[in-house]
Every structure is written in C-alpha cells, then in structure tokens.
C-alpha cells in the first residue's frame, strides 16, 4: 500500500528522493505513551514498498505530557541510511 500524499514531506537522501509521513494524531495507545512514535518512508518514484520506523520515544502529542523530541528530517535521513 502506498503512502498517502496528503501530509507527507519530501526528503532527498544520498541522491534518492523519498516521501515520509508522521501520523497526524497519535493512536490511543500512543496517546497514553505506552507505544512509541512511528513514521513511514517510501521512495518517491516507486511507492511500492513502505519502511515503517519505530522510534524510542513517545508520540510528540501524547495525552500524558511525556517529554519527546520532534521527528526531524535529519532523523528520518539517518533511519533511511540505516535501513
């Protein structure tokens, strides 16, 4: 399944274009800070395979108010290179 274009952002890593998207609102379990934040990445030219990255921090807009770092393009690029 391809990544939804609305709300996705483009990033170029090592000369390859990708699109990535963080879920707009957290799931219920992410709201309670019991599940980590995830985001999805796919190649911009061939959206056949989606990489789902699980971070080690809660979703930035969780209900509990636990501190978390925002998902930055530099972190997305690092995850793409690692994959």
PDB file of N, CA and C in Angstrom:
ATOM      1  N   UNK A   1       0.843  -1.174   0.000  1.00  0.00           N
ATOM      2  CA  UNK A   1       0.000   0.000   0.000  1.00  0.00           C
ATOM      3  C   UNK A   1       0.886   1.234   0.000  1.00  0.00           C
ATOM      4  N   UNK A   2       0.559   2.188  -0.828  1.00  0.00           N
ATOM      5  CA  UNK A   2       1.347   3.407  -0.952  1.00  0.00           C
ATOM      6  C   UNK A   2       1.035   4.378   0.183  1.00  0.00           C
ATOM      7  N   UNK A   3       1.986   5.216   0.451  1.00  0.00           N
ATOM      8  CA  UNK A   3       1.858   6.245   1.472  1.00  0.00           C
ATOM      9  C   UNK A   3       0.919   7.346   0.974  1.00  0.00           C
ATOM     10  N   UNK A   4       0.066   7.847   1.827  1.00  0.00           N
ATOM     11  CA  UNK A   4      -0.853   8.915   1.459  1.00  0.00           C
ATOM     12  C   UNK A   4      -0.045  10.178   1.161  1.00  0.00           C
ATOM     13  N   UNK A   5      -0.339  10.836   0.056  1.00  0.00           N
ATOM     14  CA  UNK A   5       0.412  12.037  -0.319  1.00  0.00           C
ATOM     15  C   UNK A   5       0.111  13.226   0.586  1.00  0.00           C
ATOM     16  N   UNK A   6      -1.143  13.345   1.011  1.00  0.00           N
ATOM     17  CA  UNK A   6      -1.520  14.468   1.856  1.00  0.00           C
ATOM     18  C   UNK A   6      -0.823  14.353   3.208  1.00  0.00           C
ATOM     19  N   UNK A   7      -0.100  15.371   3.568  1.00  0.00           N
ATOM     20  CA  UNK A   7       0.597  15.384   4.838  1.00  0.00           C
ATOM     21  C   UNK A   7       1.993  14.799   4.788  1.00  0.00           C
ATOM     22  N   UNK A   8       2.405  14.257   3.644  1.00  0.00           N
ATOM     23  CA  UNK A   8       3.747  13.688   3.559  1.00  0.00           C
ATOM     24  C   UNK A   8       4.742  14.771   3.157  1.00  0.00           C
ATOM     25  N   UNK A   9       5.986  14.553   3.515  1.00  0.00           N
ATOM     26  CA  UNK A   9       7.046  15.508   3.208  1.00  0.00           C
ATOM     27  C   UNK A   9       8.104  14.815   2.377  1.00  0.00           C
ATOM     28  N   UNK A  10       8.774  15.572   1.518  1.00  0.00           N
ATOM     29  CA  UNK A  10       9.803  15.000   0.670  1.00  0.00           C
ATOM     30  C   UNK A  10      11.172  15.238   1.284  1.00  0.00           C
ATOM     31  N   UNK A  11      12.053  14.250   1.083  1.00  0.00           N
ATOM     32  CA  UNK A  11      13.421  14.347   1.563  1.00  0.00           C
ATOM     33  C   UNK A  11      14.305  13.638   0.545  1.00  0.00           C
ATOM     34  N   UNK A  12      15.498  14.169   0.331  1.00  0.00           N
ATOM     35  CA  UNK A  12      16.458  13.547  -0.582  1.00  0.00           C
ATOM     36  C   UNK A  12      17.627  13.053   0.258  1.00  0.00           C
ATOM     37  N   UNK A  13      17.891  11.751   0.167  1.00  0.00           N
ATOM     38  CA  UNK A  13      18.976  11.135   0.927  1.00  0.00           C
ATOM     39  C   UNK A  13      19.907  10.448  -0.065  1.00  0.00           C
ATOM     40  N   UNK A  14      21.151  10.880  -0.097  1.00  0.00           N
ATOM     41  CA  UNK A  14      22.170  10.320  -0.989  1.00  0.00           C
ATOM     42  C   UNK A  14      21.709  10.288  -2.440  1.00  0.00           C
ATOM     43  N   UNK A  15      21.035  11.343  -2.880  1.00  0.00           N
ATOM     44  CA  UNK A  15      20.613  11.469  -4.264  1.00  0.00           C
ATOM     45  C   UNK A  15      19.311  10.782  -4.626  1.00  0.00           C
ATOM     46  N   UNK A  16      18.660  10.131  -3.675  1.00  0.00           N
ATOM     47  CA  UNK A  16      17.391   9.445  -3.918  1.00  0.00           C
ATOM     48  C   UNK A  16      16.279  10.192  -3.192  1.00  0.00           C
ATOM     49  N   UNK A  17      15.183  10.436  -3.907  1.00  0.00           N
ATOM     50  CA  UNK A  17      14.052  11.157  -3.323  1.00  0.00           C
ATOM     51  C   UNK A  17      13.125  10.191  -2.595  1.00  0.00           C
ATOM     52  N   UNK A  18      12.720  10.564  -1.400  1.00  0.00           N
ATOM     53  CA  UNK A  18      11.796   9.791  -0.574  1.00  0.00           C
ATOM     54  C   UNK A  18      10.672  10.700  -0.114  1.00  0.00           C
ATOM     55  N   UNK A  19       9.568  10.086   0.301  1.00  0.00           N
ATOM     56  CA  UNK A  19       8.496  10.802   0.986  1.00  0.00           C
ATOM     57  C   UNK A  19       8.332  10.149   2.347  1.00  0.00           C
ATOM     58  N   UNK A  20       8.087  10.945   3.365  1.00  0.00           N
ATOM     59  CA  UNK A  20       7.880  10.405   4.707  1.00  0.00           C
ATOM     60  C   UNK A  20       6.703  11.099   5.351  1.00  0.00           C
ATOM     61  N   UNK A  21       6.109  10.393   6.298  1.00  0.00           N
ATOM     62  CA  UNK A  21       4.918  10.928   6.955  1.00  0.00           C
ATOM     63  C   UNK A  21       4.828  10.419   8.386  1.00  0.00           C
ATOM     64  N   UNK A  22       4.584  11.333   9.281  1.00  0.00           N
ATOM     65  CA  UNK A  22       4.286  11.016  10.672  1.00  0.00           C
ATOM     66  C   UNK A  22       2.775  11.071  10.818  1.00  0.00           C
ATOM     67  N   UNK A  23       2.216  10.103  11.486  1.00  0.00           N
ATOM     68  CA  UNK A  23       0.773  10.088  11.683  1.00  0.00           C
ATOM     69  C   UNK A  23       0.339  11.403  12.329  1.00  0.00           C
ATOM     70  N   UNK A  24      -0.709  12.011  11.776  1.00  0.00           N
ATOM     71  CA  UNK A  24      -1.169  13.307  12.262  1.00  0.00           C
ATOM     72  C   UNK A  24      -1.549  13.307  13.724  1.00  0.00           C
ATOM     73  N   UNK A  25      -2.359  12.366  14.108  1.00  0.00           N
ATOM     74  CA  UNK A  25      -2.742  12.226  15.503  1.00  0.00           C
ATOM     75  C   UNK A  25      -2.279  10.870  16.012  1.00  0.00           C
ATOM     76  N   UNK A  26      -1.878  10.794  17.236  1.00  0.00           N
ATOM     77  CA  UNK A  26      -1.416   9.507  17.757  1.00  0.00           C
ATOM     78  C   UNK A  26      -2.567   8.519  17.927  1.00  0.00           C
ATOM     79  N   UNK A  27      -2.231   7.241  17.916  1.00  0.00           N
ATOM     80  CA  UNK A  27      -3.227   6.222  18.228  1.00  0.00           C
ATOM     81  C   UNK A  27      -3.532   6.313  19.720  1.00  0.00           C
ATOM     82  N   UNK A  28      -4.566   5.614  20.164  1.00  0.00           N
ATOM     83  CA  UNK A  28      -4.945   5.684  21.578  1.00  0.00           C
ATOM     84  C   UNK A  28      -3.791   5.223  22.474  1.00  0.00           C
ATOM     85  N   UNK A  29      -3.140   4.151  22.096  1.00  0.00           N
ATOM     86  CA  UNK A  29      -2.056   3.624  22.927  1.00  0.00           C
ATOM     87  C   UNK A  29      -0.837   4.547  22.892  1.00  0.00           C
ATOM     88  N   UNK A  30      -0.649   5.277  21.761  1.00  0.00           N
ATOM     89  CA  UNK A  30       0.416   6.273  21.707  1.00  0.00           C
ATOM     90  C   UNK A  30       0.049   7.492  22.544  1.00  0.00           C
ATOM     91  N   UNK A  31      -1.248   7.814  22.613  1.00  0.00           N
ATOM     92  CA  UNK A  31      -1.704   8.916  23.469  1.00  0.00           C
ATOM     93  C   UNK A  31      -1.360   8.664  24.927  1.00  0.00           C
ATOM     94  N   UNK A  32      -1.439   7.419  25.337  1.00  0.00           N
ATOM     95  CA  UNK A  32      -1.131   7.059  26.715  1.00  0.00           C
ATOM     96  C   UNK A  32       0.364   6.861  26.951  1.00  0.00           C
ATOM     97  N   UNK A  33       1.172   7.094  25.900  1.00  0.00           N
ATOM     98  CA  UNK A  33       2.631   6.957  25.951  1.00  0.00           C
ATOM     99  C   UNK A  33       3.065   5.540  26.281  1.00  0.00           C
ATOM    100  N   UNK A  34       2.257   4.558  25.884  1.00  0.00           N
ATOM    101  CA  UNK A  34       2.604   3.157  26.106  1.00  0.00           C
ATOM    102  C   UNK A  34       3.181   2.514  24.855  1.00  0.00           C
ATOM    103  N   UNK A  35       3.093   3.205  23.742  1.00  0.00           N
ATOM    104  CA  UNK A  35       3.616   2.711  22.477  1.00  0.00           C
ATOM    105  C   UNK A  35       4.462   3.820  21.862  1.00  0.00           C
ATOM    106  N   UNK A  36       5.590   3.487  21.248  1.00  0.00           N
ATOM    107  CA  UNK A  36       6.463   4.536  20.716  1.00  0.00           C
ATOM    108  C   UNK A  36       5.925   5.172  19.439  1.00  0.00           C
ATOM    109  N   UNK A  37       6.506   6.279  19.095  1.00  0.00           N
ATOM    110  CA  UNK A  37       6.158   7.018  17.881  1.00  0.00           C
ATOM    111  C   UNK A  37       6.710   6.270  16.665  1.00  0.00           C
ATOM    112  N   UNK A  38       5.932   6.222  15.586  1.00  0.00           N
ATOM    113  CA  UNK A  38       6.370   5.598  14.340  1.00  0.00           C
ATOM    114  C   UNK A  38       6.133   6.555  13.186  1.00  0.00           C
ATOM    115  N   UNK A  39       6.915   6.389  12.134  1.00  0.00           N
ATOM    116  CA  UNK A  39       6.675   7.138  10.901  1.00  0.00           C
ATOM    117  C   UNK A  39       6.977   6.234   9.717  1.00  0.00           C
ATOM    118  N   UNK A  40       6.429   6.588   8.560  1.00  0.00           N
ATOM    119  CA  UNK A  40       6.563   5.769   7.367  1.00  0.00           C
ATOM    120  C   UNK A  40       7.367   6.518   6.309  1.00  0.00           C
ATOM    121  N   UNK A  41       8.163   5.744   5.534  1.00  0.00           N
ATOM    122  CA  UNK A  41       9.005   6.304   4.484  1.00  0.00           C
ATOM    123  C   UNK A  41       8.861   5.425   3.246  1.00  0.00           C
ATOM    124  N   UNK A  42       8.827   6.060   2.070  1.00  0.00           N
ATOM    125  CA  UNK A  42       8.853   5.304   0.819  1.00  0.00           C
ATOM    126  C   UNK A  42       9.569   6.118  -0.245  1.00  0.00           C
ATOM    127  N   UNK A  43      10.063   5.425  -1.276  1.00  0.00           N
ATOM    128  CA  UNK A  43      10.706   6.119  -2.388  1.00  0.00           C
ATOM    129  C   UNK A  43       9.670   6.920  -3.143  1.00  0.00           C
ATOM    130  N   UNK A  44      10.042   8.098  -3.598  1.00  0.00           N
ATOM    131  CA  UNK A  44       9.091   8.976  -4.277  1.00  0.00           C
ATOM    132  C   UNK A  44       8.751   8.473  -5.671  1.00  0.00           C
ATOM    133  N   UNK A  45       9.723   7.852  -6.355  1.00  0.00           N
ATOM    134  CA  UNK A  45       9.480   7.420  -7.734  1.00  0.00           C
ATOM    135  C   UNK A  45       8.826   6.051  -7.841  1.00  0.00           C
ATOM    136  N   UNK A  46       9.053   5.177  -6.890  1.00  0.00           N
ATOM    137  CA  UNK A  46       8.443   3.836  -6.906  1.00  0.00           C
ATOM    138  C   UNK A  46       7.822   3.543  -5.545  1.00  0.00           C
ATOM    139  N   UNK A  47       6.595   3.977  -5.323  1.00  0.00           N
ATOM    140  CA  UNK A  47       5.969   3.798  -3.996  1.00  0.00           C
ATOM    141  C   UNK A  47       5.380   2.398  -3.813  1.00  0.00           C
ATOM    142  N   UNK A  48       6.227   1.373  -3.932  1.00  0.00           N
ATOM    143  CA  UNK A  48       5.740   0.000  -3.798  1.00  0.00           C
ATOM    144  C   UNK A  48       6.024  -0.582  -2.421  1.00  0.00           C
ATOM    145  N   UNK A  49       7.081  -0.136  -1.800  1.00  0.00           N
ATOM    146  CA  UNK A  49       7.476  -0.673  -0.504  1.00  0.00           C
ATOM    147  C   UNK A  49       7.544   0.457   0.513  1.00  0.00           C
ATOM    148  N   UNK A  50       6.988   0.228   1.677  1.00  0.00           N
ATOM    149  CA  UNK A  50       6.973   1.240   2.727  1.00  0.00           C
ATOM    150  C   UNK A  50       7.839   0.779   3.890  1.00  0.00           C
ATOM    151  N   UNK A  51       8.711   1.649   4.351  1.00  0.00           N
ATOM    152  CA  UNK A  51       9.543   1.404   5.518  1.00  0.00           C
ATOM    153  C   UNK A  51       8.854   2.049   6.713  1.00  0.00           C
ATOM    154  N   UNK A  52       8.561   1.270   7.728  1.00  0.00           N
ATOM    155  CA  UNK A  52       7.952   1.794   8.952  1.00  0.00           C
ATOM    156  C   UNK A  52       9.035   1.838  10.022  1.00  0.00           C
ATOM    157  N   UNK A  53       9.301   3.022  10.523  1.00  0.00           N
ATOM    158  CA  UNK A  53      10.366   3.235  11.503  1.00  0.00           C
ATOM    159  C   UNK A  53       9.736   3.457  12.871  1.00  0.00           C
ATOM    160  N   UNK A  54      10.158   2.683  13.849  1.00  0.00           N
ATOM    161  CA  UNK A  54       9.701   2.827  15.227  1.00  0.00           C
ATOM    162  C   UNK A  54      10.798   3.524  16.021  1.00  0.00           C
ATOM    163  N   UNK A  55      10.466   4.650  16.615  1.00  0.00           N
ATOM    164  CA  UNK A  55      11.444   5.401  17.396  1.00  0.00           C
ATOM    165  C   UNK A  55      11.470   4.879  18.837  1.00  0.00           C
ATOM    166  N   UNK A  56      12.354   5.445  19.637  1.00  0.00           N
ATOM    167  CA  UNK A  56      12.447   5.043  21.035  1.00  0.00           C
ATOM    168  C   UNK A  56      11.837   6.086  21.970  1.00  0.00           C
ATOM    169  N   UNK A  57      10.922   6.896  21.450  1.00  0.00           N
ATOM    170  CA  UNK A  57      10.309   7.953  22.256  1.00  0.00           C
ATOM    171  C   UNK A  57       8.811   7.985  22.019  1.00  0.00           C
ATOM    172  N   UNK A  58       8.056   8.618  22.912  1.00  0.00           N
ATOM    173  CA  UNK A  58       6.601   8.700  22.715  1.00  0.00           C
ATOM    174  C   UNK A  58       6.233   9.668  21.596  1.00  0.00           C
ATOM    175  N   UNK A  59       5.003   9.569  21.137  1.00  0.00           N
ATOM    176  CA  UNK A  59       4.498  10.493  20.110  1.00  0.00           C
ATOM    177  C   UNK A  59       4.530  11.910  20.685  1.00  0.00           C
ATOM    178  N   UNK A  60       4.923  12.904  19.870  1.00  0.00           N
ATOM    179  CA  UNK A  60       5.042  14.271  20.399  1.00  0.00           C
ATOM    180  C   UNK A  60       3.751  14.856  20.979  1.00  0.00           C
ATOM    181  N   UNK A  61       2.583  14.388  20.542  1.00  0.00           N
ATOM    182  CA  UNK A  61       1.338  14.956  21.076  1.00  0.00           C
ATOM    183  C   UNK A  61       0.582  13.940  21.930  1.00  0.00           C
ATOM    184  N   UNK A  62       1.297  13.287  22.846  1.00  0.00           N
ATOM    185  CA  UNK A  62       0.632  12.324  23.731  1.00  0.00           C
ATOM    186  C   UNK A  62      -0.139  13.042  24.838  1.00  0.00           C
ATOM    187  N   UNK A  63      -1.167  12.377  25.360  1.00  0.00           N
ATOM    188  CA  UNK A  63      -2.026  12.969  26.399  1.00  0.00           C
ATOM    189  C   UNK A  63      -1.324  13.107  27.729  1.00  0.00           C
ATOM    190  N   UNK A  64      -0.438  12.208  28.006  1.00  0.00           N
ATOM    191  CA  UNK A  64       0.200  12.153  29.319  1.00  0.00           C
ATOM    192  C   UNK A  64       1.145  13.344  29.518  1.00  0.00           C
ATOM    193  N   UNK A  65       1.659  13.873  28.434  1.00  0.00           N
ATOM    194  CA  UNK A  65       2.571  15.001  28.535  1.00  0.00           C
ATOM    195  C   UNK A  65       4.019  14.591  28.705  1.00  0.00           C
ATOM    196  N   UNK A  66       4.337  13.328  28.374  1.00  0.00           N
ATOM    197  CA  UNK A  66       5.733  12.891  28.467  1.00  0.00           C
ATOM    198  C   UNK A  66       6.576  13.648  27.458  1.00  0.00           C
ATOM    199  N   UNK A  67       7.742  14.021  27.873  1.00  0.00           N
ATOM    200  CA  UNK A  67       8.663  14.754  27.011  1.00  0.00           C
ATOM    201  C   UNK A  67       9.100  13.871  25.843  1.00  0.00           C
ATOM    202  N   UNK A  68       9.141  14.468  24.669  1.00  0.00           N
ATOM    203  CA  UNK A  68       9.619  13.761  23.489  1.00  0.00           C
ATOM    204  C   UNK A  68      10.253  14.744  22.539  1.00  0.00           C
ATOM    205  N   UNK A  69      11.143  14.262  21.726  1.00  0.00           N
ATOM    206  CA  UNK A  69      11.795  15.075  20.705  1.00  0.00           C
ATOM    207  C   UNK A  69      10.943  15.029  19.443  1.00  0.00           C
ATOM    208  N   UNK A  70      10.877  16.098  18.683  1.00  0.00           N
ATOM    209  CA  UNK A  70      10.147  16.051  17.415  1.00  0.00           C
ATOM    210  C   UNK A  70      10.890  15.178  16.406  1.00  0.00           C
ATOM    211  N   UNK A  71      10.156  14.630  15.461  1.00  0.00           N
ATOM    212  CA  UNK A  71      10.775  13.849  14.391  1.00  0.00           C
ATOM    213  C   UNK A  71      11.310  14.850  13.375  1.00  0.00           C
ATOM    214  N   UNK A  72      12.622  14.879  13.221  1.00  0.00           N
ATOM    215  CA  UNK A  72      13.278  15.830  12.343  1.00  0.00           C
ATOM    216  C   UNK A  72      13.723  15.150  11.052  1.00  0.00           C
ATOM    217  N   UNK A  73      13.855  15.913   9.973  1.00  0.00           N
ATOM    218  CA  UNK A  73      14.346  15.324   8.727  1.00  0.00           C
ATOM    219  C   UNK A  73      15.716  14.644   8.875  1.00  0.00           C
ATOM    220  N   UNK A  74      16.559  15.150   9.753  1.00  0.00           N
ATOM    221  CA  UNK A  74      17.865  14.515   9.967  1.00  0.00           C
ATOM    222  C   UNK A  74      17.693  13.116  10.563  1.00  0.00           C
ATOM    223  N   UNK A  75      16.716  12.936  11.443  1.00  0.00           N
ATOM    224  CA  UNK A  75      16.439  11.612  11.998  1.00  0.00           C
ATOM    225  C   UNK A  75      15.848  10.669  10.967  1.00  0.00           C
ATOM    226  N   UNK A  76      15.019  11.222  10.078  1.00  0.00           N
ATOM    227  CA  UNK A  76      14.443  10.417   9.005  1.00  0.00           C
ATOM    228  C   UNK A  76      15.564   9.956   8.060  1.00  0.00           C
ATOM    229  N   UNK A  77      16.454  10.860   7.709  1.00  0.00           N
ATOM    230  CA  UNK A  77      17.584  10.506   6.829  1.00  0.00           C
ATOM    231  C   UNK A  77      18.469   9.455   7.465  1.00  0.00           C
ATOM    232  N   UNK A  78      18.712   9.555   8.758  1.00  0.00           N
ATOM    233  CA  UNK A  78      19.534   8.562   9.462  1.00  0.00           C
ATOM    234  C   UNK A  78      18.850   7.197   9.441  1.00  0.00           C
ATOM    235  N   UNK A  79      17.534   7.158   9.624  1.00  0.00           N
ATOM    236  CA  UNK A  79      16.797   5.890   9.593  1.00  0.00           C
ATOM    237  C   UNK A  79      16.829   5.265   8.196  1.00  0.00           C
ATOM    238  N   UNK A  80      16.730   6.102   7.163  1.00  0.00           N
ATOM    239  CA  UNK A  80      16.801   5.599   5.790  1.00  0.00           C
ATOM    240  C   UNK A  80      18.168   5.009   5.505  1.00  0.00           C
ATOM    241  N   UNK A  81      19.217   5.693   5.922  1.00  0.00           N
ATOM    242  CA  UNK A  81      20.570   5.183   5.700  1.00  0.00           C
ATOM    243  C   UNK A  81      20.802   3.893   6.461  1.00  0.00           C
ATOM    244  N   UNK A  82      20.270   3.789   7.655  1.00  0.00           N
ATOM    245  CA  UNK A  82      20.432   2.573   8.455  1.00  0.00           C
ATOM    246  C   UNK A  82      19.697   1.378   7.833  1.00  0.00           C
ATOM    247  N   UNK A  83      18.531   1.653   7.258  1.00  0.00           N
ATOM    248  CA  UNK A  83      17.743   0.575   6.631  1.00  0.00           C
ATOM    249  C   UNK A  83      18.426   0.110   5.371  1.00  0.00           C
TER     250      UNK A  83
END
